[in-house]
Amino acid sequence: MKIALITGGSRGLGRSMALHLAREGHGSIVTYHRREQDAKEVVNAIRDIGGEAFALQLDVTKSDTFPAFADAVRNALEQTWDRARFDFLVNNAGMGVFKPLMQTTEEEFDLLVNAHLRTPLFLTQQLLPLIEDGGKILNVSSGLARFTLPGHAAYAAMKGAVEVLTRYMAKELGDRRISANVLAPGAIETDFGNGAVRDNKDLNAFVAANTALGRAGQPDDIGRATAALLSDEFGWINGQRIEASGGMFL
C-alpha cells in the first residue's frame, strides 16, 4: 500500500482522487479548509471500501502554517499507518477568481498567487523530507493554461507558472527518483467557481459543444486519471503536462 497526500481532498476533484486511489489499495491524507464534515465523509467513504484515510485542516493561502502542517502530517502517518513517509503529493487545492483582466484587484491576484503558486512550491518544500525516495508529485493545473477564455487571465497565469515550476521540480528532484508531473483538467462539473459548469445549462452546453467527446467532464474522469498517473505503469513519465479535458478546444 502507498499513501497519498491530497490537498483540497474533501470535495470535488480531490475527493474523487482519494476514492479512486483507495480502490487501488492506497491510503490518503486529505486536507480541508473549512469543510471538516465533508472531509470526515471522505474518510468514512474510504473506510467503507476497506481503505484508510486521515483528514487534516490546511489553509493553502497561509504559507506560515506549513511547518506546523508538516508536523501534523508526521503525526498522522505514525498514528494511522505506523510510517514516517508518504508516497504521493497531489497539489490540488485552490480557488478561482474569474474577472476580466482589467477588473482584477491586487488583493485577488495575491490570493491566487498564494493558493496556486506559493503553495506548490513552499508546501512541497516543507513536505519533501516526508516523501519517499521514488515518490511522485502531481500538480493540478487547468486547460485554461493552454486555451484562453475571457475572464480567466489571472487564474490561468498561476496555472501556467505551476506548469513551469513542475518541470523544475522534475529536474531538481531526480536525484531522489521523485517524479513531478502536471494534470490539467478541462471544464468539470463540480462546485468550483460556484458550480458554474455543473449548474449553468448554457455554460455546460457551451463546454460540451467545444469538447471532442461531447460533454463536460465529471470528477471521476479526473480521479481515474490521477490514479493512473500515480501508478507504477506511468513511472517513466516525468516533467510532463497531461491534459484531461475530453479534447476541449482542439
Protein backbone atom coordinates (compact mmCIF):
# COMPACT_ATOMS: atom_id res chain seq x y z
CA MET A 1 0.00 0.00 0.00
CA LYS A 2 1.11 3.52 -0.80
CA ILE A 3 -0.06 6.75 0.79
CA ALA A 4 -1.09 9.97 -0.94
CA LEU A 5 -1.43 13.45 0.49
CA ILE A 6 -4.13 15.32 -1.45
CA THR A 7 -4.69 19.00 -0.74
CA GLY A 8 -8.30 20.01 -1.18
CA GLY A 9 -9.30 16.37 -0.79
CA SER A 10 -12.59 16.97 0.98
CA ARG A 11 -14.69 17.61 -2.13
CA GLY A 12 -14.76 17.82 -5.90
CA LEU A 13 -11.71 16.56 -7.74
CA GLY A 14 -9.73 15.84 -4.58
CA ARG A 15 -12.49 13.65 -3.18
CA SER A 16 -12.64 11.63 -6.38
CA MET A 17 -8.84 11.31 -6.44
CA ALA A 18 -8.78 9.89 -2.90
CA LEU A 19 -11.59 7.43 -3.60
CA HIS A 20 -10.03 6.12 -6.79
CA LEU A 21 -6.66 5.70 -5.07
CA ALA A 22 -8.43 3.81 -2.28
CA ARG A 23 -9.92 1.43 -4.85
CA GLU A 24 -6.35 0.75 -5.97
CA GLY A 25 -5.44 -0.14 -2.39
CA HIS A 26 -3.79 3.13 -1.37
CA GLY A 27 -4.36 5.33 1.68
CA SER A 28 -4.79 9.09 1.70
CA ILE A 29 -4.31 12.12 3.88
CA VAL A 30 -6.92 14.60 2.66
CA THR A 31 -6.90 18.27 3.57
CA TYR A 32 -9.78 20.67 4.00
CA HIS A 33 -10.01 24.38 4.67
CA ARG A 34 -13.36 24.94 6.36
CA ARG A 35 -15.47 21.90 5.46
CA GLU A 36 -14.40 19.46 8.16
CA GLN A 37 -17.58 17.42 7.87
CA ASP A 38 -17.01 16.92 4.14
CA ALA A 39 -13.50 15.68 4.88
CA LYS A 40 -14.82 13.25 7.51
CA GLU A 41 -17.29 11.92 4.96
CA VAL A 42 -14.46 11.25 2.52
CA VAL A 43 -12.53 9.40 5.23
CA ASN A 44 -15.60 7.32 6.06
CA ALA A 45 -16.25 6.57 2.37
CA ILE A 46 -12.70 5.31 2.00
CA ARG A 47 -13.02 3.15 5.11
CA ASP A 48 -16.30 1.76 3.78
CA ILE A 49 -14.43 0.29 0.80
CA GLY A 50 -11.75 -1.18 3.02
CA GLY A 51 -9.18 1.61 2.86
CA GLU A 52 -7.71 4.01 5.39
CA ALA A 53 -7.52 7.80 5.39
CA PHE A 54 -6.90 10.76 7.64
CA ALA A 55 -8.17 14.36 7.38
CA LEU A 56 -6.12 17.45 8.26
CA GLN A 57 -7.00 21.15 8.16
CA LEU A 58 -4.90 23.33 5.85
CA ASP A 59 -5.27 26.88 4.57
CA VAL A 60 -3.23 26.94 1.37
CA THR A 61 -3.20 30.75 1.34
CA LYS A 62 -1.09 30.91 4.53
CA SER A 63 2.39 29.55 3.96
CA ASP A 64 3.46 30.39 7.52
CA THR A 65 1.29 27.46 8.69
CA PHE A 66 3.11 24.91 6.52
CA PRO A 67 5.78 23.87 9.07
CA ALA A 68 3.09 23.05 11.65
CA PHE A 69 1.12 21.24 8.96
CA ALA A 70 4.17 19.11 8.15
CA ASP A 71 4.37 18.15 11.84
CA ALA A 72 0.68 17.18 11.73
CA VAL A 73 1.38 15.01 8.68
CA ARG A 74 4.19 13.24 10.56
CA ASN A 75 1.82 12.50 13.43
CA ALA A 76 -0.92 11.28 11.08
CA LEU A 77 1.46 8.93 9.30
CA GLU A 78 2.67 7.44 12.57
CA GLN A 79 -0.78 7.26 14.15
CA THR A 80 -2.63 5.78 11.17
CA TRP A 81 -0.05 3.77 9.24
CA ASP A 82 2.95 3.44 11.59
CA ARG A 83 5.08 5.02 8.88
CA ALA A 84 7.39 8.02 8.67
CA ARG A 85 6.91 8.88 4.99
CA PHE A 86 4.25 9.00 2.28
CA ASP A 87 4.48 8.31 -1.45
CA PHE A 88 2.38 10.76 -3.47
CA LEU A 89 1.85 14.51 -3.09
CA VAL A 90 -1.06 15.93 -5.07
CA ASN A 91 -1.14 19.74 -5.01
CA ASN A 92 -4.81 20.15 -5.89
CA ALA A 93 -6.37 22.73 -3.55
CA GLY A 94 -7.24 26.19 -4.79
CA MET A 95 -9.94 28.64 -5.70
CA GLY A 96 -10.88 30.74 -8.69
CA VAL A 97 -11.12 34.49 -9.25
CA PHE A 98 -12.89 34.93 -12.55
CA LYS A 99 -12.88 38.53 -13.70
CA PRO A 100 -11.75 40.46 -16.76
CA LEU A 101 -8.07 41.28 -16.66
CA MET A 102 -8.62 45.00 -16.13
CA GLN A 103 -11.01 44.42 -13.22
CA THR A 104 -8.82 42.03 -11.24
CA THR A 105 -7.58 43.62 -7.99
CA GLU A 106 -4.15 43.25 -6.45
CA GLU A 107 -5.75 41.55 -3.44
CA GLU A 108 -7.37 38.94 -5.69
CA PHE A 109 -4.15 38.44 -7.60
CA ASP A 110 -2.21 37.93 -4.36
CA LEU A 111 -4.80 35.40 -3.18
CA LEU A 112 -4.32 33.39 -6.37
CA VAL A 113 -0.53 33.59 -6.08
CA ASN A 114 -0.65 32.29 -2.52
CA ALA A 115 -3.03 29.42 -3.24
CA HIS A 116 -1.86 28.31 -6.67
CA LEU A 117 1.85 29.18 -6.85
CA ARG A 118 3.32 29.72 -3.37
CA THR A 119 1.71 26.54 -2.08
CA PRO A 120 3.01 24.08 -4.69
CA LEU A 121 6.49 25.48 -4.09
CA PHE A 122 6.65 26.04 -0.35
CA LEU A 123 4.33 23.26 0.82
CA THR A 124 6.29 20.82 -1.32
CA GLN A 125 9.48 22.23 0.18
CA GLN A 126 8.20 21.56 3.71
CA LEU A 127 6.93 18.07 2.87
CA LEU A 128 9.91 16.81 0.85
CA PRO A 129 11.61 15.22 3.88
CA LEU A 130 8.43 13.16 4.34
CA ILE A 131 8.16 11.95 0.72
CA GLU A 132 9.64 8.55 -0.05
CA ASP A 133 12.53 8.36 -2.47
CA GLY A 134 10.97 7.23 -5.72
CA GLY A 135 7.72 9.02 -4.87
CA LYS A 136 5.60 11.16 -7.13
CA ILE A 137 4.36 14.76 -7.16
CA LEU A 138 1.30 15.68 -9.20
CA ASN A 139 0.47 19.37 -9.56
CA VAL A 140 -3.01 20.24 -10.78
CA SER A 141 -3.20 22.87 -13.49
CA SER A 142 -6.04 23.73 -15.89
CA GLY A 143 -6.92 23.57 -19.56
CA LEU A 144 -7.02 27.36 -19.28
CA ALA A 145 -3.22 27.37 -19.33
CA ARG A 146 -3.46 26.15 -22.95
CA PHE A 147 -6.60 27.83 -24.32
CA THR A 148 -7.98 31.25 -23.44
CA LEU A 149 -11.41 32.31 -22.24
CA PRO A 150 -12.02 35.95 -21.27
CA GLY A 151 -12.28 36.47 -17.54
CA HIS A 152 -9.75 33.83 -16.52
CA ALA A 153 -6.41 35.60 -17.07
CA ALA A 154 -5.08 35.79 -13.51
CA TYR A 155 -6.15 32.25 -12.60
CA ALA A 156 -4.74 30.82 -15.83
CA ALA A 157 -1.46 32.70 -15.34
CA MET A 158 -0.98 30.95 -11.99
CA LYS A 159 -1.55 27.58 -13.61
CA GLY A 160 0.91 28.40 -16.37
CA ALA A 161 3.50 29.20 -13.72
CA VAL A 162 2.79 25.91 -11.95
CA GLU A 163 3.48 24.05 -15.17
CA VAL A 164 6.93 25.65 -15.44
CA LEU A 165 7.57 25.03 -11.74
CA THR A 166 6.73 21.36 -12.20
CA ARG A 167 9.41 20.88 -14.85
CA TYR A 168 11.97 22.32 -12.44
CA MET A 169 10.73 20.00 -9.69
CA ALA A 170 11.20 17.05 -12.02
CA LYS A 171 14.75 18.14 -12.82
CA GLU A 172 15.86 19.03 -9.30
CA LEU A 173 14.29 16.05 -7.51
CA GLY A 174 15.56 13.47 -9.97
CA ASP A 175 18.44 12.51 -7.69
CA ARG A 176 15.85 11.13 -5.27
CA ARG A 177 13.93 9.47 -8.12
CA ILE A 178 10.91 11.66 -7.33
CA SER A 179 8.93 12.41 -10.47
CA ALA A 180 6.79 15.52 -10.95
CA ASN A 181 4.03 15.93 -13.49
CA VAL A 182 1.07 18.20 -14.23
CA LEU A 183 -2.54 17.08 -14.58
CA ALA A 184 -4.59 19.74 -16.36
CA PRO A 185 -8.37 19.18 -16.16
CA GLY A 186 -10.75 20.80 -18.58
CA ALA A 187 -14.17 22.06 -17.52
CA ILE A 188 -15.52 19.72 -14.82
CA GLU A 189 -18.95 19.54 -13.20
CA THR A 190 -18.06 20.36 -9.58
CA ASP A 191 -18.86 23.19 -7.15
CA PHE A 192 -15.67 25.00 -8.26
CA GLY A 193 -16.44 28.54 -9.42
CA ASN A 194 -19.80 28.38 -7.64
CA GLY A 195 -20.71 25.29 -9.61
CA ALA A 196 -20.91 27.17 -12.91
CA VAL A 197 -20.11 24.26 -15.25
CA ARG A 198 -22.36 21.91 -13.27
CA ASP A 199 -25.36 24.21 -12.73
CA ASN A 200 -25.41 26.66 -15.63
CA LYS A 201 -27.10 24.82 -18.50
CA ASP A 202 -25.92 27.29 -21.13
CA LEU A 203 -22.31 27.08 -19.98
CA ASN A 204 -22.50 23.30 -19.77
CA ALA A 205 -23.82 23.15 -23.32
CA PHE A 206 -21.05 25.50 -24.49
CA VAL A 207 -18.43 23.24 -22.95
CA ALA A 208 -19.98 20.13 -24.49
CA ALA A 209 -20.15 21.76 -27.92
CA ASN A 210 -16.45 22.62 -27.78
CA THR A 211 -15.26 19.25 -26.46
CA ALA A 212 -14.43 16.46 -28.88
CA LEU A 213 -16.07 13.82 -26.68
CA GLY A 214 -19.24 15.91 -26.49
CA ARG A 215 -19.72 16.57 -22.78
CA ALA A 216 -18.33 18.38 -19.78
CA GLY A 217 -16.02 16.44 -17.52
CA GLN A 218 -17.03 14.59 -14.36
CA PRO A 219 -14.97 14.41 -11.15
CA ASP A 220 -14.39 10.70 -11.72
CA ASP A 221 -12.72 11.47 -15.05
CA ILE A 222 -10.01 13.26 -13.06
CA GLY A 223 -9.99 10.76 -10.20
CA ARG A 224 -9.31 7.92 -12.62
CA ALA A 225 -6.62 9.93 -14.42
CA THR A 226 -4.90 10.69 -11.11
CA ALA A 227 -4.86 7.04 -10.04
CA ALA A 228 -3.40 6.12 -13.42
CA LEU A 229 -0.68 8.78 -13.37
CA LEU A 230 0.38 7.77 -9.87
CA SER A 231 0.54 4.08 -10.76
CA ASP A 232 3.75 2.17 -11.42
CA GLU A 233 2.76 1.83 -15.07
CA PHE A 234 3.34 5.56 -15.53
CA GLY A 235 6.59 5.63 -13.58
CA TRP A 236 8.74 6.72 -16.55
CA ILE A 237 6.62 9.80 -17.26
CA ASN A 238 8.31 12.82 -15.71
CA GLY A 239 8.18 16.58 -16.17
CA GLN A 240 5.12 16.34 -18.40
CA ARG A 241 1.77 18.12 -18.74
CA ILE A 242 -1.14 15.73 -19.21
CA GLU A 243 -4.45 17.37 -20.08
CA ALA A 244 -7.67 15.55 -19.16
CA SER A 245 -10.32 17.59 -20.95
CA GLY A 246 -12.02 15.21 -23.33
CA GLY A 247 -10.46 17.19 -26.17
CA MET A 248 -11.70 20.67 -25.29
CA PHE A 249 -10.89 23.37 -27.87
CA LEU A 250 -8.78 21.14 -30.09
